[in-house]
N, C-alpha and C. Protein backbone atom coordinates (compact mmCIF):
# COMPACT_ATOMS: atom_id res chain seq x y z
N MET A 1 -184.66 32.35 -59.15
CA MET A 1 -183.47 32.97 -59.71
C MET A 1 -182.24 32.16 -59.29
N SER A 2 -181.41 31.83 -60.23
CA SER A 2 -180.24 31.03 -59.91
C SER A 2 -179.07 31.92 -59.48
N SER A 3 -178.15 31.31 -58.74
CA SER A 3 -176.95 32.02 -58.32
C SER A 3 -175.75 31.12 -58.57
N THR A 4 -174.63 31.76 -58.84
CA THR A 4 -173.40 31.03 -59.10
C THR A 4 -172.33 31.53 -58.15
N THR A 5 -171.65 30.60 -57.49
CA THR A 5 -170.60 30.94 -56.54
C THR A 5 -169.40 30.05 -56.80
N THR A 6 -168.21 30.64 -56.72
CA THR A 6 -166.98 29.87 -56.91
C THR A 6 -166.27 29.70 -55.58
N TYR A 7 -165.85 28.49 -55.31
CA TYR A 7 -165.13 28.13 -54.09
C TYR A 7 -163.76 27.59 -54.48
N THR A 8 -162.85 27.53 -53.52
CA THR A 8 -161.55 26.91 -53.74
C THR A 8 -161.49 25.64 -52.91
N VAL A 9 -161.19 24.54 -53.61
CA VAL A 9 -161.09 23.23 -52.95
C VAL A 9 -159.64 22.80 -52.99
N VAL A 10 -159.14 22.37 -51.84
CA VAL A 10 -157.74 21.97 -51.70
C VAL A 10 -157.63 20.45 -51.71
N GLY A 11 -156.66 19.94 -52.48
CA GLY A 11 -156.36 18.51 -52.44
C GLY A 11 -156.73 17.73 -53.68
N MET A 12 -157.35 18.36 -54.67
CA MET A 12 -157.70 17.64 -55.89
C MET A 12 -156.48 17.56 -56.80
N THR A 13 -156.18 16.35 -57.29
CA THR A 13 -154.98 16.18 -58.11
C THR A 13 -155.23 15.45 -59.43
N CYS A 14 -156.42 14.88 -59.62
CA CYS A 14 -156.64 14.07 -60.83
C CYS A 14 -158.10 14.14 -61.27
N GLU A 15 -158.38 13.46 -62.38
CA GLU A 15 -159.74 13.43 -62.91
C GLU A 15 -160.70 12.79 -61.91
N HIS A 16 -160.25 11.76 -61.23
CA HIS A 16 -161.10 11.11 -60.23
C HIS A 16 -161.48 12.09 -59.12
N CYS A 17 -160.54 12.94 -58.72
CA CYS A 17 -160.80 13.95 -57.71
C CYS A 17 -161.91 14.90 -58.17
N GLU A 18 -161.79 15.37 -59.41
CA GLU A 18 -162.81 16.26 -59.97
C GLU A 18 -164.18 15.59 -59.93
N ARG A 19 -164.23 14.35 -60.39
CA ARG A 19 -165.49 13.61 -60.45
C ARG A 19 -166.08 13.42 -59.06
N SER A 20 -165.26 13.06 -58.09
CA SER A 20 -165.75 12.85 -56.72
C SER A 20 -166.34 14.13 -56.14
N ALA A 21 -165.63 15.23 -56.30
CA ALA A 21 -166.12 16.51 -55.78
C ALA A 21 -167.43 16.89 -56.47
N ARG A 22 -167.45 16.77 -57.80
CA ARG A 22 -168.65 17.12 -58.57
C ARG A 22 -169.85 16.29 -58.12
N GLU A 23 -169.65 14.98 -57.99
CA GLU A 23 -170.76 14.10 -57.62
C GLU A 23 -171.32 14.43 -56.24
N GLU A 24 -170.45 14.69 -55.27
CA GLU A 24 -170.92 15.03 -53.92
C GLU A 24 -171.68 16.36 -53.93
N LEU A 25 -171.17 17.34 -54.65
CA LEU A 25 -171.83 18.64 -54.69
C LEU A 25 -173.17 18.57 -55.41
N GLN A 26 -173.28 17.74 -56.41
CA GLN A 26 -174.54 17.60 -57.14
C GLN A 26 -175.63 16.94 -56.30
N GLU A 27 -175.26 16.33 -55.20
CA GLU A 27 -176.23 15.71 -54.29
C GLU A 27 -176.97 16.76 -53.45
N ILE A 28 -176.45 17.96 -53.38
CA ILE A 28 -177.08 19.01 -52.58
C ILE A 28 -178.35 19.47 -53.30
N PRO A 29 -179.49 19.48 -52.60
CA PRO A 29 -180.71 19.98 -53.23
C PRO A 29 -180.50 21.42 -53.73
N ALA A 30 -181.06 21.73 -54.85
CA ALA A 30 -181.01 23.05 -55.49
C ALA A 30 -179.78 23.24 -56.38
N VAL A 31 -178.76 22.39 -56.27
CA VAL A 31 -177.60 22.53 -57.15
C VAL A 31 -178.01 22.10 -58.56
N THR A 32 -177.76 22.98 -59.53
CA THR A 32 -178.13 22.68 -60.91
C THR A 32 -176.92 22.42 -61.79
N ALA A 33 -175.74 22.89 -61.39
CA ALA A 33 -174.53 22.66 -62.17
C ALA A 33 -173.30 22.81 -61.29
N VAL A 34 -172.26 22.03 -61.61
CA VAL A 34 -170.99 22.11 -60.89
C VAL A 34 -169.87 22.05 -61.92
N ASP A 35 -168.97 23.01 -61.88
CA ASP A 35 -167.80 23.01 -62.76
C ASP A 35 -166.56 22.94 -61.87
N VAL A 36 -165.70 21.95 -62.14
CA VAL A 36 -164.52 21.74 -61.30
C VAL A 36 -163.26 21.87 -62.15
N ASP A 37 -162.29 22.64 -61.66
CA ASP A 37 -161.00 22.78 -62.33
C ASP A 37 -159.92 22.43 -61.31
N ARG A 38 -159.42 21.18 -61.38
CA ARG A 38 -158.45 20.72 -60.38
C ARG A 38 -157.15 21.50 -60.42
N SER A 39 -156.77 22.04 -61.59
CA SER A 39 -155.49 22.75 -61.69
C SER A 39 -155.47 24.02 -60.85
N THR A 40 -156.62 24.64 -60.69
CA THR A 40 -156.69 25.86 -59.87
C THR A 40 -157.40 25.62 -58.55
N GLY A 41 -158.12 24.49 -58.45
CA GLY A 41 -158.92 24.22 -57.26
C GLY A 41 -160.26 24.91 -57.29
N ALA A 42 -160.57 25.60 -58.39
CA ALA A 42 -161.83 26.35 -58.49
C ALA A 42 -163.00 25.39 -58.71
N VAL A 43 -164.02 25.57 -57.90
CA VAL A 43 -165.25 24.81 -58.04
C VAL A 43 -166.38 25.82 -58.09
N THR A 44 -167.06 25.86 -59.23
CA THR A 44 -168.15 26.80 -59.42
C THR A 44 -169.47 26.06 -59.31
N VAL A 45 -170.31 26.52 -58.40
CA VAL A 45 -171.59 25.87 -58.12
C VAL A 45 -172.71 26.81 -58.53
N THR A 46 -173.61 26.32 -59.36
CA THR A 46 -174.81 27.06 -59.74
C THR A 46 -175.99 26.39 -59.07
N ALA A 47 -176.85 27.20 -58.46
CA ALA A 47 -177.98 26.65 -57.72
C ALA A 47 -179.23 27.48 -57.96
N SER A 48 -180.36 26.83 -57.82
CA SER A 48 -181.64 27.51 -58.01
C SER A 48 -182.12 28.21 -56.74
N ALA A 49 -181.43 28.00 -55.63
CA ALA A 49 -181.76 28.62 -54.35
C ALA A 49 -180.46 28.79 -53.57
N PRO A 50 -180.45 29.68 -52.59
CA PRO A 50 -179.23 29.86 -51.79
C PRO A 50 -178.82 28.57 -51.09
N ILE A 51 -177.50 28.36 -51.02
CA ILE A 51 -176.95 27.19 -50.34
C ILE A 51 -175.96 27.68 -49.29
N ALA A 52 -176.10 27.19 -48.08
CA ALA A 52 -175.18 27.58 -47.01
C ALA A 52 -173.79 27.02 -47.28
N VAL A 53 -172.78 27.80 -46.97
CA VAL A 53 -171.40 27.36 -47.19
C VAL A 53 -171.11 26.08 -46.40
N GLU A 54 -171.82 25.87 -45.30
CA GLU A 54 -171.64 24.66 -44.51
C GLU A 54 -172.03 23.42 -45.31
N GLN A 55 -173.05 23.54 -46.15
CA GLN A 55 -173.46 22.42 -47.00
C GLN A 55 -172.38 22.12 -48.04
N ILE A 56 -171.81 23.17 -48.59
CA ILE A 56 -170.74 23.01 -49.58
C ILE A 56 -169.54 22.35 -48.90
N ARG A 57 -169.18 22.85 -47.73
CA ARG A 57 -168.04 22.31 -46.98
C ARG A 57 -168.25 20.83 -46.66
N ALA A 58 -169.45 20.47 -46.24
CA ALA A 58 -169.75 19.08 -45.89
C ALA A 58 -169.62 18.17 -47.11
N ALA A 59 -170.10 18.61 -48.26
CA ALA A 59 -170.01 17.80 -49.48
C ALA A 59 -168.56 17.64 -49.91
N VAL A 60 -167.79 18.72 -49.84
CA VAL A 60 -166.37 18.66 -50.22
C VAL A 60 -165.61 17.74 -49.28
N THR A 61 -165.90 17.82 -48.00
CA THR A 61 -165.26 16.95 -47.00
C THR A 61 -165.62 15.49 -47.25
N GLU A 62 -166.88 15.24 -47.56
CA GLU A 62 -167.34 13.88 -47.85
C GLU A 62 -166.60 13.30 -49.06
N ALA A 63 -166.27 14.16 -50.01
CA ALA A 63 -165.53 13.73 -51.21
C ALA A 63 -164.05 13.47 -50.89
N GLY A 64 -163.58 13.95 -49.72
CA GLY A 64 -162.21 13.71 -49.33
C GLY A 64 -161.27 14.89 -49.50
N TYR A 65 -161.85 16.09 -49.64
CA TYR A 65 -161.03 17.29 -49.88
C TYR A 65 -161.39 18.34 -48.84
N ARG A 66 -160.75 19.50 -48.96
CA ARG A 66 -160.95 20.56 -47.97
C ARG A 66 -161.35 21.83 -48.71
N LEU A 67 -162.38 22.49 -48.19
CA LEU A 67 -162.80 23.77 -48.72
C LEU A 67 -161.94 24.86 -48.11
N ALA A 68 -161.26 25.65 -48.96
CA ALA A 68 -160.48 26.78 -48.45
C ALA A 68 -161.45 27.81 -47.90
N GLU A 69 -160.97 28.74 -47.13
CA GLU A 69 -161.83 29.78 -46.60
C GLU A 69 -162.56 30.46 -47.75
N HIS A 70 -163.86 30.57 -47.63
CA HIS A 70 -164.70 31.08 -48.72
C HIS A 70 -164.63 32.60 -48.80
N ALA A 71 -164.39 33.06 -50.01
CA ALA A 71 -164.41 34.51 -50.28
C ALA A 71 -165.10 34.71 -51.61
N ALA A 72 -166.42 34.80 -51.57
CA ALA A 72 -167.22 34.93 -52.80
C ALA A 72 -166.73 36.09 -53.56
């Protein structure tokens, strides 16, 4: 069963930012889709299995951005 969670990412300002965040998040096992909206900072992750917020935070940090405090 898949699950979808939306996070807020701080620091994205352009198309390259969206692409970087999306690519890093897609590297997480079980992630099946990532939708990024830089204007709001919303990043919606769909996965086939539960993903720890720490994994999301690590991917966002690797992309060069910051995950705001998560409030599903």
